[in-house]
N, C-alpha and C. Protein backbone atom coordinates (compact mmCIF):
# COMPACT_ATOMS: atom_id res chain seq x y z
N MET A 1 130.59 109.24 105.36
CA MET A 1 130.24 108.61 104.22
C MET A 1 128.75 108.29 104.39
N ALA A 2 127.83 108.39 103.22
CA ALA A 2 126.60 108.02 103.36
C ALA A 2 126.46 107.06 102.21
N LEU A 3 125.36 105.80 102.67
CA LEU A 3 125.34 105.28 101.62
C LEU A 3 124.17 105.14 100.59
N GLN A 4 123.81 104.92 99.52
CA GLN A 4 122.62 104.82 99.23
C GLN A 4 122.50 103.47 98.06
N ARG A 5 121.63 102.97 97.87
CA ARG A 5 121.11 101.71 97.16
C ARG A 5 121.33 101.67 95.87
N CYS A 6 122.03 101.18 95.26
CA CYS A 6 121.91 100.89 93.79
C CYS A 6 120.57 100.45 93.02
N PRO A 7 120.11 101.34 92.00
CA PRO A 7 118.83 101.02 91.83
C PRO A 7 118.50 99.55 90.69
N GLU A 8 119.82 99.09 90.24
CA GLU A 8 119.86 98.16 89.63
C GLU A 8 119.56 96.69 90.36
N CYS A 9 120.92 96.75 91.42
CA CYS A 9 121.29 95.63 92.20
C CYS A 9 120.42 95.48 93.81
N ARG A 10 120.20 96.53 93.80
CA ARG A 10 119.79 97.12 95.33
C ARG A 10 120.78 96.73 96.42
N HIS A 11 122.54 96.69 96.23
CA HIS A 11 123.68 96.50 97.15
C HIS A 11 123.93 98.23 97.35
N LYS A 12 124.31 98.54 98.82
CA LYS A 12 124.24 99.54 98.91
C LYS A 12 125.83 100.09 98.94
N VAL A 13 126.16 101.39 98.07
CA VAL A 13 126.74 101.79 97.09
C VAL A 13 127.28 103.07 98.13
N SER A 14 128.53 103.68 97.91
CA SER A 14 128.77 104.97 98.58
C SER A 14 128.12 106.27 97.77
N GLU A 15 127.27 107.16 98.44
CA GLU A 15 126.87 108.06 97.43
C GLU A 15 128.06 108.79 96.31
N ASN A 16 129.57 108.79 96.92
CA ASN A 16 130.56 109.47 95.89
C ASN A 16 130.77 108.41 94.45
N ALA A 17 130.59 107.22 94.52
CA ALA A 17 130.97 106.36 93.56
C ALA A 17 130.09 106.45 92.18
N GLN A 18 131.01 106.49 91.45
CA GLN A 18 130.82 106.62 89.99
C GLN A 18 130.00 105.72 89.30
N ALA A 19 130.17 104.20 89.71
CA ALA A 19 129.37 102.99 89.36
C ALA A 19 129.55 102.17 90.34
N CYS A 20 128.24 101.23 90.29
CA CYS A 20 128.43 100.64 91.12
C CYS A 20 129.41 98.87 91.18
N PRO A 21 129.93 98.84 92.59
CA PRO A 21 130.83 98.02 92.00
C PRO A 21 130.58 96.56 92.07
N ASN A 22 129.17 96.40 92.28
CA ASN A 22 128.68 94.86 92.25
C ASN A 22 128.14 94.85 90.90
N CYS A 23 127.28 95.51 90.38
CA CYS A 23 126.57 95.26 89.05
C CYS A 23 127.61 95.78 87.77
N GLY A 24 128.12 97.61 88.35
CA GLY A 24 128.85 98.15 87.08
C GLY A 24 127.56 99.21 86.70
N PHE A 25 126.22 99.60 87.30
CA PHE A 25 125.51 100.80 87.01
C PHE A 25 126.10 101.91 86.93
N SER A 26 125.98 102.76 86.35
CA SER A 26 126.54 104.27 86.52
C SER A 26 125.75 105.37 86.71
N PHE A 27 126.39 106.13 87.71
CA PHE A 27 125.88 106.63 88.51
C PHE A 27 125.41 108.50 87.71
N LYS A 28 126.18 108.32 86.43
CA LYS A 28 126.24 109.51 85.78
C LYS A 28 124.82 109.87 85.45
N GLU A 29 124.45 111.33 85.69
CA GLU A 29 123.14 111.85 85.37
C GLU A 29 122.70 111.29 84.15
N SER A 30 123.19 111.13 82.61
CA SER A 30 122.58 111.00 81.89
C SER A 30 122.30 109.44 81.88
N ASP A 31 123.29 109.08 82.20
CA ASP A 31 122.97 107.15 82.63
C ASP A 31 121.46 106.90 83.63
N LEU A 32 121.39 108.13 84.66
CA LEU A 32 120.21 107.68 85.55
C LEU A 32 119.15 108.12 84.79
N GLU A 33 119.20 109.25 83.81
CA GLU A 33 118.04 109.82 82.89
C GLU A 33 117.54 108.74 82.02
N ILE A 34 118.21 108.10 81.61
CA ILE A 34 117.92 106.68 80.74
C ILE A 34 117.50 106.08 81.58
N TYR A 35 118.14 105.44 82.60
CA TYR A 35 117.48 104.70 83.62
C TYR A 35 115.98 104.71 83.76
N ARG A 36 115.66 106.13 84.32
CA ARG A 36 114.22 106.55 84.56
C ARG A 36 113.50 106.56 83.49
N GLN A 37 113.77 106.85 82.23
CA GLN A 37 113.25 106.77 80.95
C GLN A 37 112.33 105.09 80.93
N LYS A 38 113.30 104.39 81.23
CA LYS A 38 113.31 102.95 81.02
C LYS A 38 112.42 102.81 82.04
N LEU A 39 112.43 102.92 83.29
CA LEU A 39 111.63 102.53 84.31
C LEU A 39 110.08 103.28 84.23
N GLU A 40 109.78 104.46 83.28
CA GLU A 40 108.61 104.81 83.23
C GLU A 40 108.05 104.35 82.18
N GLU A 41 108.75 103.71 81.06
CA GLU A 41 108.33 102.89 79.67
C GLU A 41 107.68 101.24 80.13
N ARG A 42 108.36 100.89 81.35
CA ARG A 42 108.01 99.53 82.08
C ARG A 42 106.77 99.91 82.74
N ARG A 43 106.75 101.11 83.38
CA ARG A 43 105.38 101.32 84.02
C ARG A 43 104.44 101.41 83.59
N LEU A 44 104.07 102.03 82.49
CA LEU A 44 103.26 102.19 81.82
C LEU A 44 102.67 100.85 81.08
N HIS A 45 103.86 100.17 80.41
CA HIS A 45 103.63 98.55 79.77
C HIS A 45 102.86 97.96 80.77
N ASN A 46 103.18 97.78 82.44
CA ASN A 46 102.52 96.76 83.27
C ASN A 46 101.22 97.41 83.27
N GLN A 47 101.28 98.90 83.16
CA GLN A 47 99.60 99.38 83.38
C GLN A 47 98.68 99.00 82.44
N GLU A 48 99.29 98.70 81.07
CA GLU A 48 98.59 98.62 80.16
C GLU A 48 98.20 96.96 80.59
N ILE A 49 98.97 96.38 80.80
CA ILE A 49 98.84 94.55 81.16
C ILE A 49 97.80 94.72 81.88
N ASN A 50 98.04 95.63 83.10
CA ASN A 50 96.97 95.26 84.33
C ASN A 50 95.66 95.58 83.87
N ARG A 51 95.78 96.59 83.02
CA ARG A 51 94.06 96.97 82.38
C ARG A 51 93.33 95.73 81.87
N LYS A 52 94.13 94.92 80.83
CA LYS A 52 93.72 94.51 79.96
C LYS A 52 93.37 93.21 80.83
N SER A 53 94.31 92.75 81.71
CA SER A 53 93.70 91.62 82.79
C SER A 53 92.42 91.95 83.98
N VAL A 54 92.46 93.05 83.86
CA VAL A 54 90.88 93.35 84.82
C VAL A 54 89.95 93.23 83.77
N LYS A 55 89.87 93.70 82.41
CA LYS A 55 88.91 93.64 81.28
C LYS A 55 88.72 91.61 81.29
N ILE A 56 89.63 91.08 81.32
CA ILE A 56 89.37 89.69 80.89
C ILE A 56 88.77 89.04 82.38
N HIS A 57 89.55 89.82 83.44
CA HIS A 57 88.70 88.89 84.44
C HIS A 57 87.25 89.57 84.87
N LEU A 58 87.03 90.36 84.29
CA LEU A 58 85.42 90.76 84.38
C LEU A 58 84.90 89.82 83.50
N PHE A 59 85.62 89.44 81.88
CA PHE A 59 84.90 88.92 81.05
C PHE A 59 84.15 87.58 81.67
N TRP A 60 84.97 87.12 82.27
CA TRP A 60 85.12 85.61 82.97
C TRP A 60 84.01 85.36 84.22
N LEU A 61 84.04 86.60 84.75
CA LEU A 61 83.19 86.99 86.06
C LEU A 61 81.94 87.17 85.32
N ALA A 62 81.47 87.39 84.49
CA ALA A 62 79.96 87.54 83.95
C ALA A 62 79.52 85.96 82.97
N ILE A 63 80.63 85.55 82.43
CA ILE A 63 80.29 84.18 81.89
C ILE A 63 80.19 83.54 83.31
N PHE A 64 80.64 83.25 84.35
CA PHE A 64 80.18 82.43 85.58
C PHE A 64 79.17 82.81 86.15
N THR A 65 78.80 84.48 86.04
CA THR A 65 77.59 84.62 86.70
C THR A 65 76.33 84.05 85.81
N LEU A 66 76.61 84.40 84.48
CA LEU A 66 75.22 83.67 83.54
C LEU A 66 75.16 82.35 83.80
N VAL A 67 76.08 81.74 84.03
CA VAL A 67 76.06 79.97 83.88
C VAL A 67 75.51 79.44 85.33
N ILE A 68 75.66 80.32 86.34
CA ILE A 68 75.00 79.88 87.61
C ILE A 68 73.87 80.58 87.14
N ALA A 69 73.24 81.50 87.02
CA ALA A 69 72.17 81.74 86.94
C ALA A 69 71.07 81.05 86.09
N ILE A 70 71.75 80.50 85.07
CA ILE A 70 71.13 79.81 83.97
C ILE A 70 70.80 78.34 84.52
N ALA A 71 71.62 77.92 85.12
CA ALA A 71 71.66 76.60 85.83
C ALA A 71 70.90 76.90 87.48
N GLY A 72 71.05 77.72 87.95
CA GLY A 72 69.73 77.92 89.00
C GLY A 72 68.09 78.32 88.11
N TRP A 73 68.18 79.01 87.13
CA TRP A 73 66.94 78.88 86.56
C TRP A 73 66.18 77.37 86.22
N LEU A 74 66.98 76.60 85.55
CA LEU A 74 66.95 74.96 85.40
C LEU A 74 66.45 74.43 86.01
N ASN A 75 67.15 74.50 87.70
CA ASN A 75 66.68 73.68 88.69
C ASN A 75 65.62 74.08 88.98
N ASN A 76 65.02 75.31 88.92
CA ASN A 76 63.99 75.59 89.61
C ASN A 76 62.21 75.15 88.61
């Protein structure tokens, strides 16, 4: 009897189990497909958030660099 990890709660569960005894996650193929779709949606959402975060960081880096350059120019 091999064990697999439940994708929802990460507890070890028998490969033959129909549902996780810890969290109730169903291992039916239709439920697994729904779970995969939700994971893909979450991944795309996180990717968009990361893209926006990079833009914000670059914006603030440019402002910081500009302030340092102006301060250096004024001190000379």
